[in-house]
Amino acid sequence: MAAYILAQLSVHDAAGFQRYRDAVAPLVTEFGGRYLVRGGATDQKEGELPHARLVVIEFPDRAAAHRFYDSPAYQAILPLRLAAASGSVAVVEGVA
């Protein structure tokens, strides 16, 4: 069953975040993921989103999503994102 990494981010260092984006995209592919949402225009319909940037990455299953996030390669670039943006990240199981 597919699983998704969902991120809501507020970017406060665009140049630093771009370095993270350049580094993370090949890793997503390497671990079997694909971007479904990666920023882009948002039309707010209800409530408030705490962070302006939304990212959704699909993986074949929860194990693959966790392998990506917990991998030494991702952990090596994670400080780039943490320095350039704040927000939240979760792994969510899809529907069967």
PDB file of N, CA and C in Angstrom:
ATOM      1  N   MET A   1       0.844  -1.172   0.000  1.00  0.00           N
ATOM      2  CA  MET A   1       0.000   0.000   0.000  1.00  0.00           C
ATOM      3  C   MET A   1       0.892   1.238   0.000  1.00  0.00           C
ATOM      4  N   ALA A   2       0.565   2.189  -0.856  1.00  0.00           N
ATOM      5  CA  ALA A   2       1.351   3.417  -0.967  1.00  0.00           C
ATOM      6  C   ALA A   2       1.365   4.177   0.356  1.00  0.00           C
ATOM      7  N   ALA A   3       2.429   4.929   0.541  1.00  0.00           N
ATOM      8  CA  ALA A   3       2.560   5.812   1.695  1.00  0.00           C
ATOM      9  C   ALA A   3       3.107   7.138   1.198  1.00  0.00           C
ATOM     10  N   TYR A   4       2.892   8.160   1.992  1.00  0.00           N
ATOM     11  CA  TYR A   4       3.222   9.506   1.565  1.00  0.00           C
ATOM     12  C   TYR A   4       3.996  10.235   2.648  1.00  0.00           C
ATOM     13  N   ILE A   5       4.980  10.992   2.223  1.00  0.00           N
ATOM     14  CA  ILE A   5       5.596  11.957   3.125  1.00  0.00           C
ATOM     15  C   ILE A   5       4.903  13.280   2.846  1.00  0.00           C
ATOM     16  N   LEU A   6       4.311  13.841   3.890  1.00  0.00           N
ATOM     17  CA  LEU A   6       3.625  15.125   3.805  1.00  0.00           C
ATOM     18  C   LEU A   6       4.449  16.153   4.565  1.00  0.00           C
ATOM     19  N   ALA A   7       4.707  17.280   3.946  1.00  0.00           N
ATOM     20  CA  ALA A   7       5.457  18.339   4.605  1.00  0.00           C
ATOM     21  C   ALA A   7       4.739  19.660   4.410  1.00  0.00           C
ATOM     22  N   GLN A   8       4.674  20.438   5.481  1.00  0.00           N
ATOM     23  CA  GLN A   8       4.199  21.816   5.439  1.00  0.00           C
ATOM     24  C   GLN A   8       5.362  22.655   5.932  1.00  0.00           C
ATOM     25  N   LEU A   9       5.829  23.573   5.078  1.00  0.00           N
ATOM     26  CA  LEU A   9       7.056  24.291   5.390  1.00  0.00           C
ATOM     27  C   LEU A   9       6.895  25.793   5.185  1.00  0.00           C
ATOM     28  N   SER A  10       7.622  26.542   5.986  1.00  0.00           N
ATOM     29  CA  SER A  10       7.799  27.977   5.791  1.00  0.00           C
ATOM     30  C   SER A  10       9.281  28.188   5.516  1.00  0.00           C
ATOM     31  N   VAL A  11       9.586  28.664   4.324  1.00  0.00           N
ATOM     32  CA  VAL A  11      10.971  28.870   3.913  1.00  0.00           C
ATOM     33  C   VAL A  11      11.394  30.283   4.291  1.00  0.00           C
ATOM     34  N   HIS A  12      12.499  30.397   5.026  1.00  0.00           N
ATOM     35  CA  HIS A  12      13.010  31.716   5.394  1.00  0.00           C
ATOM     36  C   HIS A  12      14.389  31.998   4.801  1.00  0.00           C
ATOM     37  N   ASP A  13      14.954  31.037   4.081  1.00  0.00           N
ATOM     38  CA  ASP A  13      16.232  31.208   3.390  1.00  0.00           C
ATOM     39  C   ASP A  13      16.102  30.518   2.030  1.00  0.00           C
ATOM     40  N   ALA A  14      15.700  31.296   1.018  1.00  0.00           N
ATOM     41  CA  ALA A  14      15.416  30.719  -0.294  1.00  0.00           C
ATOM     42  C   ALA A  14      16.646  30.065  -0.919  1.00  0.00           C
ATOM     43  N   ALA A  15      17.798  30.689  -0.808  1.00  0.00           N
ATOM     44  CA  ALA A  15      19.017  30.121  -1.397  1.00  0.00           C
ATOM     45  C   ALA A  15      19.395  28.812  -0.710  1.00  0.00           C
ATOM     46  N   GLY A  16      19.312  28.780   0.608  1.00  0.00           N
ATOM     47  CA  GLY A  16      19.607  27.558   1.351  1.00  0.00           C
ATOM     48  C   GLY A  16      18.618  26.459   1.031  1.00  0.00           C
ATOM     49  N   PHE A  17      17.345  26.822   0.885  1.00  0.00           N
ATOM     50  CA  PHE A  17      16.330  25.831   0.565  1.00  0.00           C
ATOM     51  C   PHE A  17      16.548  25.275  -0.843  1.00  0.00           C
ATOM     52  N   GLN A  18      17.003  26.121  -1.760  1.00  0.00           N
ATOM     53  CA  GLN A  18      17.280  25.647  -3.111  1.00  0.00           C
ATOM     54  C   GLN A  18      18.403  24.617  -3.103  1.00  0.00           C
ATOM     55  N   ARG A  19      19.408  24.801  -2.270  1.00  0.00           N
ATOM     56  CA  ARG A  19      20.478  23.789  -2.157  1.00  0.00           C
ATOM     57  C   ARG A  19      19.891  22.458  -1.670  1.00  0.00           C
ATOM     58  N   TYR A  20      18.983  22.532  -0.698  1.00  0.00           N
ATOM     59  CA  TYR A  20      18.313  21.319  -0.210  1.00  0.00           C
ATOM     60  C   TYR A  20      17.498  20.669  -1.335  1.00  0.00           C
ATOM     61  N   ARG A  21      16.710  21.449  -2.047  1.00  0.00           N
ATOM     62  CA  ARG A  21      15.879  20.912  -3.135  1.00  0.00           C
ATOM     63  C   ARG A  21      16.726  20.207  -4.185  1.00  0.00           C
ATOM     64  N   ASP A  22      17.847  20.824  -4.541  1.00  0.00           N
ATOM     65  CA  ASP A  22      18.726  20.224  -5.552  1.00  0.00           C
ATOM     66  C   ASP A  22      19.288  18.888  -5.072  1.00  0.00           C
ATOM     67  N   ALA A  23      19.564  18.791  -3.790  1.00  0.00           N
ATOM     68  CA  ALA A  23      20.150  17.563  -3.232  1.00  0.00           C
ATOM     69  C   ALA A  23      19.111  16.476  -2.979  1.00  0.00           C
ATOM     70  N   VAL A  24      17.897  16.863  -2.606  1.00  0.00           N
ATOM     71  CA  VAL A  24      16.910  15.863  -2.193  1.00  0.00           C
ATOM     72  C   VAL A  24      16.208  15.194  -3.374  1.00  0.00           C
ATOM     73  N   ALA A  25      16.011  15.894  -4.469  1.00  0.00           N
ATOM     74  CA  ALA A  25      15.246  15.328  -5.586  1.00  0.00           C
ATOM     75  C   ALA A  25      15.815  13.997  -6.086  1.00  0.00           C
ATOM     76  N   PRO A  26      17.136  13.877  -6.307  1.00  0.00           N
ATOM     77  CA  PRO A  26      17.651  12.577  -6.748  1.00  0.00           C
ATOM     78  C   PRO A  26      17.470  11.475  -5.702  1.00  0.00           C
ATOM     79  N   LEU A  27      17.517  11.835  -4.429  1.00  0.00           N
ATOM     80  CA  LEU A  27      17.315  10.828  -3.370  1.00  0.00           C
ATOM     81  C   LEU A  27      15.894  10.299  -3.367  1.00  0.00           C
ATOM     82  N   VAL A  28      14.934  11.191  -3.577  1.00  0.00           N
ATOM     83  CA  VAL A  28      13.536  10.756  -3.636  1.00  0.00           C
ATOM     84  C   VAL A  28      13.392   9.678  -4.704  1.00  0.00           C
ATOM     85  N   THR A  29      13.940   9.936  -5.877  1.00  0.00           N
ATOM     86  CA  THR A  29      13.870   8.962  -6.971  1.00  0.00           C
ATOM     87  C   THR A  29      14.608   7.673  -6.617  1.00  0.00           C
ATOM     88  N   GLU A  30      15.789   7.822  -6.042  1.00  0.00           N
ATOM     89  CA  GLU A  30      16.602   6.648  -5.682  1.00  0.00           C
ATOM     90  C   GLU A  30      15.864   5.704  -4.738  1.00  0.00           C
ATOM     91  N   PHE A  31      15.037   6.264  -3.842  1.00  0.00           N
ATOM     92  CA  PHE A  31      14.315   5.449  -2.867  1.00  0.00           C
ATOM     93  C   PHE A  31      12.907   5.091  -3.332  1.00  0.00           C
ATOM     94  N   GLY A  32      12.630   5.274  -4.618  1.00  0.00           N
ATOM     95  CA  GLY A  32      11.347   4.843  -5.173  1.00  0.00           C
ATOM     96  C   GLY A  32      10.219   5.821  -4.991  1.00  0.00           C
ATOM     97  N   GLY A  33      10.530   7.054  -4.632  1.00  0.00           N
ATOM     98  CA  GLY A  33       9.494   8.056  -4.429  1.00  0.00           C
ATOM     99  C   GLY A  33       9.270   8.911  -5.662  1.00  0.00           C
ATOM    100  N   ARG A  34       8.141   9.622  -5.639  1.00  0.00           N
ATOM    101  CA  ARG A  34       7.860  10.594  -6.693  1.00  0.00           C
ATOM    102  C   ARG A  34       7.044  11.728  -6.089  1.00  0.00           C
ATOM    103  N   TYR A  35       7.369  12.921  -6.525  1.00  0.00           N
ATOM    104  CA  TYR A  35       6.664  14.102  -6.031  1.00  0.00           C
ATOM    105  C   TYR A  35       5.273  14.164  -6.649  1.00  0.00           C
ATOM    106  N   LEU A  36       4.269  14.377  -5.807  1.00  0.00           N
ATOM    107  CA  LEU A  36       2.906  14.649  -6.267  1.00  0.00           C
ATOM    108  C   LEU A  36       2.613  16.136  -6.135  1.00  0.00           C
ATOM    109  N   VAL A  37       3.148  16.745  -5.087  1.00  0.00           N
ATOM    110  CA  VAL A  37       3.017  18.179  -4.839  1.00  0.00           C
ATOM    111  C   VAL A  37       4.380  18.664  -4.372  1.00  0.00           C
ATOM    112  N   ARG A  38       4.829  19.772  -4.948  1.00  0.00           N
ATOM    113  CA  ARG A  38       6.126  20.321  -4.547  1.00  0.00           C
ATOM    114  C   ARG A  38       6.038  21.838  -4.641  1.00  0.00           C
ATOM    115  N   GLY A  39       5.422  22.423  -3.601  1.00  0.00           N
ATOM    116  CA  GLY A  39       5.229  23.873  -3.634  1.00  0.00           C
ATOM    117  C   GLY A  39       4.077  24.186  -4.565  1.00  0.00           C
ATOM    118  N   GLY A  40       4.209  25.243  -5.317  1.00  0.00           N
ATOM    119  CA  GLY A  40       3.170  25.619  -6.268  1.00  0.00           C
ATOM    120  C   GLY A  40       2.100  26.482  -5.624  1.00  0.00           C
ATOM    121  N   ALA A  41       1.249  27.009  -6.457  1.00  0.00           N
ATOM    122  CA  ALA A  41       0.185  27.910  -6.006  1.00  0.00           C
ATOM    123  C   ALA A  41      -0.813  27.155  -5.133  1.00  0.00           C
ATOM    124  N   THR A  42      -1.259  27.808  -4.094  1.00  0.00           N
ATOM    125  CA  THR A  42      -2.243  27.233  -3.177  1.00  0.00           C
ATOM    126  C   THR A  42      -3.435  28.175  -3.074  1.00  0.00           C
ATOM    127  N   ASP A  43      -4.623  27.656  -3.262  1.00  0.00           N
ATOM    128  CA  ASP A  43      -5.848  28.424  -3.073  1.00  0.00           C
ATOM    129  C   ASP A  43      -6.507  27.936  -1.791  1.00  0.00           C
ATOM    130  N   GLN A  44      -6.407  28.715  -0.738  1.00  0.00           N
ATOM    131  CA  GLN A  44      -6.946  28.344   0.563  1.00  0.00           C
ATOM    132  C   GLN A  44      -8.469  28.368   0.518  1.00  0.00           C
ATOM    133  N   LYS A  45      -9.100  27.280   0.885  1.00  0.00           N
ATOM    134  CA  LYS A  45     -10.561  27.192   0.868  1.00  0.00           C
ATOM    135  C   LYS A  45     -11.171  27.257   2.264  1.00  0.00           C
ATOM    136  N   GLU A  46     -10.538  26.628   3.245  1.00  0.00           N
ATOM    137  CA  GLU A  46     -11.066  26.622   4.610  1.00  0.00           C
ATOM    138  C   GLU A  46      -9.916  26.681   5.591  1.00  0.00           C
ATOM    139  N   GLY A  47     -10.167  27.244   6.744  1.00  0.00           N
ATOM    140  CA  GLY A  47      -9.178  27.266   7.816  1.00  0.00           C
ATOM    141  C   GLY A  47      -7.904  27.973   7.407  1.00  0.00           C
ATOM    142  N   GLU A  48      -6.851  27.661   8.128  1.00  0.00           N
ATOM    143  CA  GLU A  48      -5.554  28.256   7.838  1.00  0.00           C
ATOM    144  C   GLU A  48      -4.486  27.170   7.803  1.00  0.00           C
ATOM    145  N   LEU A  49      -3.607  27.266   6.850  1.00  0.00           N
ATOM    146  CA  LEU A  49      -2.447  26.379   6.813  1.00  0.00           C
ATOM    147  C   LEU A  49      -1.333  27.077   7.587  1.00  0.00           C
ATOM    148  N   PRO A  50      -0.703  26.376   8.504  1.00  0.00           N
ATOM    149  CA  PRO A  50       0.335  27.027   9.309  1.00  0.00           C
ATOM    150  C   PRO A  50       1.589  27.375   8.515  1.00  0.00           C
ATOM    151  N   HIS A  51       1.794  26.720   7.371  1.00  0.00           N
ATOM    152  CA  HIS A  51       2.984  26.969   6.561  1.00  0.00           C
ATOM    153  C   HIS A  51       2.568  27.047   5.094  1.00  0.00           C
ATOM    154  N   ALA A  52       3.207  27.917   4.346  1.00  0.00           N
ATOM    155  CA  ALA A  52       2.779  28.207   2.972  1.00  0.00           C
ATOM    156  C   ALA A  52       3.151  27.124   1.966  1.00  0.00           C
ATOM    157  N   ARG A  53       4.240  26.414   2.192  1.00  0.00           N
ATOM    158  CA  ARG A  53       4.726  25.456   1.199  1.00  0.00           C
ATOM    159  C   ARG A  53       4.260  24.047   1.561  1.00  0.00           C
ATOM    160  N   LEU A  54       3.627  23.363   0.610  1.00  0.00           N
ATOM    161  CA  LEU A  54       3.157  21.994   0.806  1.00  0.00           C
ATOM    162  C   LEU A  54       3.927  21.058  -0.113  1.00  0.00           C
ATOM    163  N   VAL A  55       4.317  19.916   0.420  1.00  0.00           N
ATOM    164  CA  VAL A  55       5.026  18.898  -0.361  1.00  0.00           C
ATOM    165  C   VAL A  55       4.383  17.549  -0.054  1.00  0.00           C
ATOM    166  N   VAL A  56       4.101  16.778  -1.106  1.00  0.00           N
ATOM    167  CA  VAL A  56       3.596  15.417  -0.965  1.00  0.00           C
ATOM    168  C   VAL A  56       4.463  14.525  -1.846  1.00  0.00           C
ATOM    169  N   ILE A  57       5.078  13.526  -1.223  1.00  0.00           N
ATOM    170  CA  ILE A  57       5.918  12.575  -1.949  1.00  0.00           C
ATOM    171  C   ILE A  57       5.325  11.185  -1.752  1.00  0.00           C
ATOM    172  N   GLU A  58       5.070  10.492  -2.847  1.00  0.00           N
ATOM    173  CA  GLU A  58       4.509   9.136  -2.790  1.00  0.00           C
ATOM    174  C   GLU A  58       5.636   8.111  -2.830  1.00  0.00           C
ATOM    175  N   PHE A  59       5.519   7.090  -1.970  1.00  0.00           N
ATOM    176  CA  PHE A  59       6.434   5.956  -1.949  1.00  0.00           C
ATOM    177  C   PHE A  59       5.615   4.680  -2.079  1.00  0.00           C
ATOM    178  N   PRO A  60       6.243   3.592  -2.517  1.00  0.00           N
ATOM    179  CA  PRO A  60       5.495   2.338  -2.685  1.00  0.00           C
ATOM    180  C   PRO A  60       4.827   1.851  -1.400  1.00  0.00           C
ATOM    181  N   ASP A  61       5.456   2.102  -0.247  1.00  0.00           N
ATOM    182  CA  ASP A  61       4.894   1.667   1.034  1.00  0.00           C
ATOM    183  C   ASP A  61       5.567   2.454   2.161  1.00  0.00           C
ATOM    184  N   ARG A  62       5.082   2.239   3.387  1.00  0.00           N
ATOM    185  CA  ARG A  62       5.629   2.960   4.541  1.00  0.00           C
ATOM    186  C   ARG A  62       7.094   2.633   4.763  1.00  0.00           C
ATOM    187  N   ALA A  63       7.468   1.387   4.549  1.00  0.00           N
ATOM    188  CA  ALA A  63       8.865   1.003   4.750  1.00  0.00           C
ATOM    189  C   ALA A  63       9.779   1.798   3.829  1.00  0.00           C
ATOM    190  N   ALA A  64       9.375   1.982   2.576  1.00  0.00           N
ATOM    191  CA  ALA A  64      10.192   2.748   1.626  1.00  0.00           C
ATOM    192  C   ALA A  64      10.285   4.212   2.045  1.00  0.00           C
ATOM    193  N   ALA A  65       9.189   4.779   2.518  1.00  0.00           N
ATOM    194  CA  ALA A  65       9.207   6.176   2.985  1.00  0.00           C
ATOM    195  C   ALA A  65      10.156   6.331   4.166  1.00  0.00           C
ATOM    196  N   HIS A  66      10.100   5.384   5.085  1.00  0.00           N
ATOM    197  CA  HIS A  66      10.996   5.443   6.251  1.00  0.00           C
ATOM    198  C   HIS A  66      12.450   5.191   5.851  1.00  0.00           C
ATOM    199  N   ARG A  67      12.673   4.277   4.912  1.00  0.00           N
ATOM    200  CA  ARG A  67      14.049   4.042   4.438  1.00  0.00           C
ATOM    201  C   ARG A  67      14.636   5.326   3.855  1.00  0.00           C
ATOM    202  N   PHE A  68      13.831   6.048   3.087  1.00  0.00           N
ATOM    203  CA  PHE A  68      14.281   7.328   2.530  1.00  0.00           C
ATOM    204  C   PHE A  68      14.624   8.308   3.651  1.00  0.00           C
ATOM    205  N   TYR A  69      13.657   8.569   4.522  1.00  0.00           N
ATOM    206  CA  TYR A  69      13.857   9.600   5.552  1.00  0.00           C
ATOM    207  C   TYR A  69      14.988   9.241   6.506  1.00  0.00           C
ATOM    208  N   ASP A  70      15.093   7.983   6.876  1.00  0.00           N
ATOM    209  CA  ASP A  70      16.093   7.547   7.855  1.00  0.00           C
ATOM    210  C   ASP A  70      17.456   7.235   7.242  1.00  0.00           C
ATOM    211  N   SER A  71      17.561   7.289   5.924  1.00  0.00           N
ATOM    212  CA  SER A  71      18.817   6.922   5.268  1.00  0.00           C
ATOM    213  C   SER A  71      19.946   7.889   5.635  1.00  0.00           C
ATOM    214  N   PRO A  72      21.164   7.389   5.692  1.00  0.00           N
ATOM    215  CA  PRO A  72      22.311   8.269   5.931  1.00  0.00           C
ATOM    216  C   PRO A  72      22.401   9.392   4.891  1.00  0.00           C
ATOM    217  N   ALA A  73      22.041   9.099   3.650  1.00  0.00           N
ATOM    218  CA  ALA A  73      22.113  10.110   2.595  1.00  0.00           C
ATOM    219  C   ALA A  73      21.145  11.265   2.867  1.00  0.00           C
ATOM    220  N   TYR A  74      19.897  10.931   3.277  1.00  0.00           N
ATOM    221  CA  TYR A  74      18.942  12.006   3.578  1.00  0.00           C
ATOM    222  C   TYR A  74      19.324  12.726   4.868  1.00  0.00           C
ATOM    223  N   GLN A  75      19.727  11.988   5.857  1.00  0.00           N
ATOM    224  CA  GLN A  75      20.111  12.627   7.122  1.00  0.00           C
ATOM    225  C   GLN A  75      21.287  13.588   6.924  1.00  0.00           C
ATOM    226  N   ALA A  76      22.130  13.314   5.925  1.00  0.00           N
ATOM    227  CA  ALA A  76      23.265  14.203   5.645  1.00  0.00           C
ATOM    228  C   ALA A  76      22.815  15.544   5.079  1.00  0.00           C
ATOM    229  N   ILE A  77      21.697  15.579   4.326  1.00  0.00           N
ATOM    230  CA  ILE A  77      21.231  16.846   3.763  1.00  0.00           C
ATOM    231  C   ILE A  77      20.108  17.494   4.567  1.00  0.00           C
ATOM    232  N   LEU A  78      19.531  16.759   5.493  1.00  0.00           N
ATOM    233  CA  LEU A  78      18.451  17.307   6.318  1.00  0.00           C
ATOM    234  C   LEU A  78      18.835  18.625   6.998  1.00  0.00           C
ATOM    235  N   PRO A  79      20.066  18.794   7.489  1.00  0.00           N
ATOM    236  CA  PRO A  79      20.417  20.080   8.106  1.00  0.00           C
ATOM    237  C   PRO A  79      20.243  21.279   7.162  1.00  0.00           C
ATOM    238  N   LEU A  80      20.365  21.071   5.858  1.00  0.00           N
ATOM    239  CA  LEU A  80      20.116  22.162   4.912  1.00  0.00           C
ATOM    240  C   LEU A  80      18.680  22.653   5.019  1.00  0.00           C
ATOM    241  N   ARG A  81      17.728  21.688   5.062  1.00  0.00           N
ATOM    242  CA  ARG A  81      16.313  22.078   5.170  1.00  0.00           C
ATOM    243  C   ARG A  81      16.028  22.707   6.522  1.00  0.00           C
ATOM    244  N   LEU A  82      16.560  22.109   7.577  1.00  0.00           N
ATOM    245  CA  LEU A  82      16.291  22.632   8.915  1.00  0.00           C
ATOM    246  C   LEU A  82      16.828  24.044   9.097  1.00  0.00           C
ATOM    247  N   ALA A  83      17.920  24.373   8.398  1.00  0.00           N
ATOM    248  CA  ALA A  83      18.484  25.719   8.484  1.00  0.00           C
ATOM    249  C   ALA A  83      17.709  26.717   7.622  1.00  0.00           C
ATOM    250  N   ALA A  84      17.049  26.235   6.568  1.00  0.00           N
ATOM    251  CA  ALA A  84      16.403  27.122   5.609  1.00  0.00           C
ATOM    252  C   ALA A  84      14.895  27.234   5.770  1.00  0.00           C
ATOM    253  N   ALA A  85      14.285  26.293   6.506  1.00  0.00           N
ATOM    254  CA  ALA A  85      12.825  26.267   6.603  1.00  0.00           C
ATOM    255  C   ALA A  85      12.392  25.647   7.927  1.00  0.00           C
ATOM    256  N   SER A  86      11.196  26.015   8.357  1.00  0.00           N
ATOM    257  CA  SER A  86      10.599  25.383   9.532  1.00  0.00           C
ATOM    258  C   SER A  86       9.279  24.757   9.109  1.00  0.00           C
ATOM    259  N   GLY A  87       8.769  23.850   9.920  1.00  0.00           N
ATOM    260  CA  GLY A  87       7.494  23.237   9.589  1.00  0.00           C
ATOM    261  C   GLY A  87       7.349  21.860  10.183  1.00  0.00           C
ATOM    262  N   SER A  88       6.571  21.031   9.495  1.00  0.00           N
ATOM    263  CA  SER A  88       6.305  19.688   9.995  1.00  0.00           C
ATOM    264  C   SER A  88       6.375  18.701   8.843  1.00  0.00           C
ATOM    265  N   VAL A  89       6.741  17.453   9.188  1.00  0.00           N
ATOM    266  CA  VAL A  89       6.856  16.369   8.214  1.00  0.00           C
ATOM    267  C   VAL A  89       6.266  15.116   8.841  1.00  0.00           C
ATOM    268  N   ALA A  90       5.477  14.371   8.069  1.00  0.00           N
ATOM    269  CA  ALA A  90       4.881  13.128   8.567  1.00  0.00           C
ATOM    270  C   ALA A  90       4.879  12.088   7.469  1.00  0.00           C
ATOM    271  N   VAL A  91       4.918  10.820   7.869  1.00  0.00           N
ATOM    272  CA  VAL A  91       4.708   9.696   6.956  1.00  0.00           C
ATOM    273  C   VAL A  91       3.271   9.213   7.182  1.00  0.00           C
ATOM    274  N   VAL A  92       2.510   9.128   6.091  1.00  0.00           N
ATOM    275  CA  VAL A  92       1.095   8.774   6.178  1.00  0.00           C
ATOM    276  C   VAL A  92       0.812   7.611   5.248  1.00  0.00           C
ATOM    277  N   GLU A  93       0.128   6.600   5.760  1.00  0.00           N
ATOM    278  CA  GLU A  93      -0.250   5.451   4.949  1.00  0.00           C
ATOM    279  C   GLU A  93      -1.433   5.821   4.060  1.00  0.00           C
ATOM    280  N   GLY A  94      -1.400   5.338   2.811  1.00  0.00           N
ATOM    281  CA  GLY A  94      -2.496   5.585   1.879  1.00  0.00           C
ATOM    282  C   GLY A  94      -3.644   4.615   2.101  1.00  0.00           C
ATOM    283  N   VAL A  95      -4.544   4.595   1.167  1.00  0.00           N
ATOM    284  CA  VAL A  95      -5.689   3.682   1.262  1.00  0.00           C
ATOM    285  C   VAL A  95      -5.379   2.396   0.519  1.00  0.00           C
ATOM    286  N   ALA A  96      -5.988   1.316   0.990  1.00  0.00           N
ATOM    287  CA  ALA A  96      -5.758   0.006   0.368  1.00  0.00           C
ATOM    288  C   ALA A  96      -6.526  -0.114  -0.913  1.00  0.00           C
TER     289      ALA A  96
END
